[in-house]
Amino acid sequence: MSTEKFFVKPKFGPVLRRIRKKRGMSLRDLAEQVGVDHTYISQIELGKVGPPDWELSMKIARALNSPELMKIVDYITVRQLLI
């Protein structure tokens, strides 16, 4: 049996979209809270761009009060450090 570990990169965008909608927050509202254009948030959610840098990702997670997004951000950051 192999001891090799496989990492699955969580999908930040779809999780972001699900949580934002669950919170009843519009793209524009979230974008205004974190200081970016709403089209950028849309591109993240749709997977047209990758997750934003750590600082902006954490701003988004905090604006949505989402421990789930914070865990994903930490996972992505740690994984990038290991590569």
N, C-alpha and C. Protein backbone atom coordinates (compact mmCIF):
# COMPACT_ATOMS: atom_id res chain seq x y z
N MET A 1 0.84 -1.18 0.00
CA MET A 1 0.00 0.00 0.00
C MET A 1 0.88 1.24 0.00
N SER A 2 0.56 2.18 -0.84
CA SER A 2 1.35 3.40 -0.98
C SER A 2 1.09 4.36 0.18
N THR A 3 2.15 5.02 0.61
CA THR A 3 2.00 6.03 1.67
C THR A 3 1.95 7.43 1.08
N GLU A 4 1.93 7.52 -0.24
CA GLU A 4 1.87 8.82 -0.91
C GLU A 4 0.54 9.50 -0.60
N LYS A 5 0.61 10.80 -0.28
CA LYS A 5 -0.60 11.55 0.04
C LYS A 5 -1.04 12.35 -1.18
N PHE A 6 -2.33 12.40 -1.37
CA PHE A 6 -2.90 13.19 -2.45
C PHE A 6 -3.67 14.35 -1.86
N PHE A 7 -3.46 15.53 -2.42
CA PHE A 7 -4.16 16.71 -1.95
C PHE A 7 -5.20 17.11 -2.99
N VAL A 8 -6.40 17.36 -2.54
CA VAL A 8 -7.44 17.86 -3.41
C VAL A 8 -7.65 19.32 -3.07
N LYS A 9 -7.43 20.17 -4.04
CA LYS A 9 -7.58 21.60 -3.80
C LYS A 9 -9.07 21.94 -3.71
N PRO A 10 -9.49 22.48 -2.58
CA PRO A 10 -10.90 22.86 -2.46
C PRO A 10 -11.26 23.92 -3.49
N LYS A 11 -12.49 23.88 -3.90
CA LYS A 11 -12.99 24.85 -4.87
C LYS A 11 -13.46 26.10 -4.14
N PHE A 12 -12.59 27.09 -4.05
CA PHE A 12 -12.89 28.33 -3.33
C PHE A 12 -14.11 29.03 -3.93
N GLY A 13 -14.13 29.17 -5.25
CA GLY A 13 -15.20 29.93 -5.91
C GLY A 13 -16.59 29.40 -5.66
N PRO A 14 -16.84 28.10 -5.93
CA PRO A 14 -18.19 27.57 -5.69
C PRO A 14 -18.61 27.64 -4.22
N VAL A 15 -17.66 27.43 -3.32
CA VAL A 15 -17.99 27.53 -1.89
C VAL A 15 -18.33 28.98 -1.54
N LEU A 16 -17.55 29.90 -2.07
CA LEU A 16 -17.82 31.33 -1.86
C LEU A 16 -19.23 31.67 -2.32
N ARG A 17 -19.58 31.25 -3.51
CA ARG A 17 -20.91 31.55 -4.07
C ARG A 17 -22.03 30.97 -3.20
N ARG A 18 -21.86 29.71 -2.79
CA ARG A 18 -22.88 29.06 -1.97
C ARG A 18 -23.08 29.81 -0.64
N ILE A 19 -21.99 30.16 -0.01
CA ILE A 19 -22.08 30.84 1.29
C ILE A 19 -22.64 32.25 1.12
N ARG A 20 -22.19 32.97 0.10
CA ARG A 20 -22.68 34.33 -0.12
C ARG A 20 -24.19 34.33 -0.34
N LYS A 21 -24.66 33.39 -1.14
CA LYS A 21 -26.10 33.31 -1.40
C LYS A 21 -26.86 32.90 -0.15
N LYS A 22 -26.30 31.98 0.62
CA LYS A 22 -26.93 31.54 1.85
C LYS A 22 -27.08 32.71 2.83
N ARG A 23 -26.10 33.60 2.81
CA ARG A 23 -26.14 34.77 3.70
C ARG A 23 -27.04 35.88 3.15
N GLY A 24 -27.52 35.70 1.91
CA GLY A 24 -28.39 36.70 1.30
C GLY A 24 -27.66 37.97 0.89
N MET A 25 -26.38 37.83 0.58
CA MET A 25 -25.56 38.98 0.21
C MET A 25 -25.37 39.03 -1.30
N SER A 26 -25.51 40.20 -1.88
CA SER A 26 -25.30 40.34 -3.32
C SER A 26 -23.81 40.43 -3.63
N LEU A 27 -23.48 40.22 -4.88
CA LEU A 27 -22.09 40.39 -5.34
C LEU A 27 -21.61 41.80 -5.03
N ARG A 28 -22.45 42.77 -5.32
CA ARG A 28 -22.08 44.18 -5.09
C ARG A 28 -21.84 44.47 -3.62
N ASP A 29 -22.71 43.94 -2.75
CA ASP A 29 -22.54 44.17 -1.32
C ASP A 29 -21.23 43.59 -0.81
N LEU A 30 -20.94 42.35 -1.20
CA LEU A 30 -19.69 41.72 -0.76
C LEU A 30 -18.49 42.48 -1.31
N ALA A 31 -18.56 42.81 -2.60
CA ALA A 31 -17.44 43.52 -3.23
C ALA A 31 -17.17 44.85 -2.54
N GLU A 32 -18.22 45.55 -2.19
CA GLU A 32 -18.07 46.84 -1.51
C GLU A 32 -17.42 46.65 -0.13
N GLN A 33 -17.83 45.62 0.58
CA GLN A 33 -17.27 45.36 1.92
C GLN A 33 -15.78 45.03 1.88
N VAL A 34 -15.34 44.36 0.82
CA VAL A 34 -13.94 43.93 0.77
C VAL A 34 -13.07 44.81 -0.13
N GLY A 35 -13.70 45.78 -0.81
CA GLY A 35 -12.92 46.75 -1.58
C GLY A 35 -12.47 46.31 -2.96
N VAL A 36 -13.29 45.51 -3.64
CA VAL A 36 -12.99 45.10 -5.01
C VAL A 36 -14.23 45.31 -5.88
N ASP A 37 -14.06 45.16 -7.18
CA ASP A 37 -15.19 45.28 -8.10
C ASP A 37 -16.04 44.01 -8.05
N HIS A 38 -17.34 44.17 -8.19
CA HIS A 38 -18.23 43.01 -8.12
C HIS A 38 -17.97 42.00 -9.24
N THR A 39 -17.45 42.48 -10.36
CA THR A 39 -17.16 41.54 -11.45
C THR A 39 -16.01 40.60 -11.08
N TYR A 40 -15.09 41.06 -10.25
CA TYR A 40 -13.99 40.22 -9.81
C TYR A 40 -14.52 39.09 -8.91
N ILE A 41 -15.43 39.42 -8.00
CA ILE A 41 -16.04 38.39 -7.15
C ILE A 41 -16.76 37.36 -8.02
N SER A 42 -17.47 37.83 -9.02
CA SER A 42 -18.18 36.93 -9.94
C SER A 42 -17.20 36.00 -10.65
N GLN A 43 -16.08 36.54 -11.11
CA GLN A 43 -15.08 35.72 -11.80
C GLN A 43 -14.50 34.65 -10.88
N ILE A 44 -14.30 35.00 -9.62
CA ILE A 44 -13.80 34.02 -8.64
C ILE A 44 -14.82 32.90 -8.48
N GLU A 45 -16.08 33.29 -8.27
CA GLU A 45 -17.14 32.31 -8.05
C GLU A 45 -17.30 31.36 -9.23
N LEU A 46 -17.15 31.88 -10.43
CA LEU A 46 -17.33 31.07 -11.63
C LEU A 46 -16.08 30.30 -12.05
N GLY A 47 -14.98 30.48 -11.32
CA GLY A 47 -13.75 29.77 -11.61
C GLY A 47 -12.98 30.32 -12.80
N LYS A 48 -13.32 31.55 -13.21
CA LYS A 48 -12.60 32.17 -14.34
C LYS A 48 -11.23 32.68 -13.90
N VAL A 49 -11.08 32.93 -12.61
CA VAL A 49 -9.79 33.28 -12.02
C VAL A 49 -9.63 32.43 -10.77
N GLY A 50 -8.42 32.26 -10.35
CA GLY A 50 -8.17 31.47 -9.14
C GLY A 50 -8.52 32.24 -7.89
N PRO A 51 -8.37 31.60 -6.75
CA PRO A 51 -8.65 32.29 -5.50
C PRO A 51 -7.75 33.53 -5.36
N PRO A 52 -8.26 34.57 -4.74
CA PRO A 52 -7.44 35.76 -4.53
C PRO A 52 -6.32 35.46 -3.53
N ASP A 53 -5.44 36.44 -3.35
CA ASP A 53 -4.36 36.25 -2.39
C ASP A 53 -4.93 36.06 -0.98
N TRP A 54 -4.05 35.66 -0.07
CA TRP A 54 -4.48 35.32 1.28
C TRP A 54 -5.24 36.46 1.95
N GLU A 55 -4.70 37.67 1.84
CA GLU A 55 -5.32 38.82 2.53
C GLU A 55 -6.76 39.05 2.05
N LEU A 56 -6.97 39.09 0.75
CA LEU A 56 -8.31 39.32 0.23
C LEU A 56 -9.22 38.12 0.51
N SER A 57 -8.68 36.92 0.41
CA SER A 57 -9.48 35.73 0.73
C SER A 57 -9.99 35.79 2.16
N MET A 58 -9.13 36.19 3.08
CA MET A 58 -9.55 36.29 4.48
C MET A 58 -10.55 37.43 4.68
N LYS A 59 -10.40 38.53 3.97
CA LYS A 59 -11.39 39.61 4.05
C LYS A 59 -12.76 39.11 3.62
N ILE A 60 -12.78 38.33 2.54
CA ILE A 60 -14.03 37.77 2.04
C ILE A 60 -14.63 36.82 3.08
N ALA A 61 -13.80 35.93 3.62
CA ALA A 61 -14.28 34.97 4.62
C ALA A 61 -14.82 35.69 5.85
N ARG A 62 -14.14 36.74 6.27
CA ARG A 62 -14.61 37.50 7.44
C ARG A 62 -15.90 38.26 7.13
N ALA A 63 -15.99 38.84 5.95
CA ALA A 63 -17.19 39.58 5.58
C ALA A 63 -18.41 38.66 5.57
N LEU A 64 -18.19 37.40 5.23
CA LEU A 64 -19.27 36.43 5.21
C LEU A 64 -19.39 35.65 6.52
N ASN A 65 -18.50 35.96 7.46
CA ASN A 65 -18.46 35.27 8.74
C ASN A 65 -18.46 33.76 8.51
N SER A 66 -17.49 33.31 7.72
CA SER A 66 -17.47 31.91 7.29
C SER A 66 -16.20 31.17 7.71
N PRO A 67 -16.28 30.38 8.78
CA PRO A 67 -15.15 29.54 9.15
C PRO A 67 -14.80 28.54 8.04
N GLU A 68 -15.80 28.09 7.27
CA GLU A 68 -15.54 27.15 6.18
C GLU A 68 -14.60 27.76 5.14
N LEU A 69 -14.86 29.00 4.75
CA LEU A 69 -13.97 29.66 3.78
C LEU A 69 -12.59 29.90 4.39
N MET A 70 -12.55 30.25 5.68
CA MET A 70 -11.25 30.48 6.33
C MET A 70 -10.41 29.22 6.30
N LYS A 71 -11.04 28.06 6.52
CA LYS A 71 -10.31 26.79 6.47
C LYS A 71 -9.77 26.52 5.07
N ILE A 72 -10.58 26.81 4.06
CA ILE A 72 -10.14 26.61 2.68
C ILE A 72 -8.95 27.51 2.36
N VAL A 73 -9.04 28.77 2.80
CA VAL A 73 -7.94 29.71 2.56
C VAL A 73 -6.66 29.21 3.22
N ASP A 74 -6.77 28.76 4.46
CA ASP A 74 -5.59 28.23 5.15
C ASP A 74 -5.05 26.99 4.46
N TYR A 75 -5.94 26.11 3.99
CA TYR A 75 -5.51 24.90 3.28
C TYR A 75 -4.75 25.26 2.00
N ILE A 76 -5.30 26.16 1.22
CA ILE A 76 -4.66 26.56 -0.03
C ILE A 76 -3.30 27.17 0.26
N THR A 77 -3.21 28.03 1.29
CA THR A 77 -1.95 28.68 1.64
C THR A 77 -0.91 27.67 2.06
N VAL A 78 -1.27 26.74 2.94
CA VAL A 78 -0.33 25.71 3.39
C VAL A 78 0.10 24.84 2.24
N ARG A 79 -0.84 24.46 1.38
CA ARG A 79 -0.52 23.62 0.24
C ARG A 79 0.47 24.31 -0.70
N GLN A 80 0.28 25.62 -0.91
CA GLN A 80 1.20 26.36 -1.78
C GLN A 80 2.60 26.40 -1.18
N LEU A 81 2.70 26.46 0.12
CA LEU A 81 4.00 26.48 0.78
C LEU A 81 4.71 25.13 0.65
N LEU A 82 3.95 24.06 0.53
CA LEU A 82 4.53 22.73 0.43
C LEU A 82 5.00 22.37 -0.96
N ILE A 83 4.53 23.10 -1.95
CA ILE A 83 4.88 22.80 -3.34
C ILE A 83 6.27 23.31 -3.66
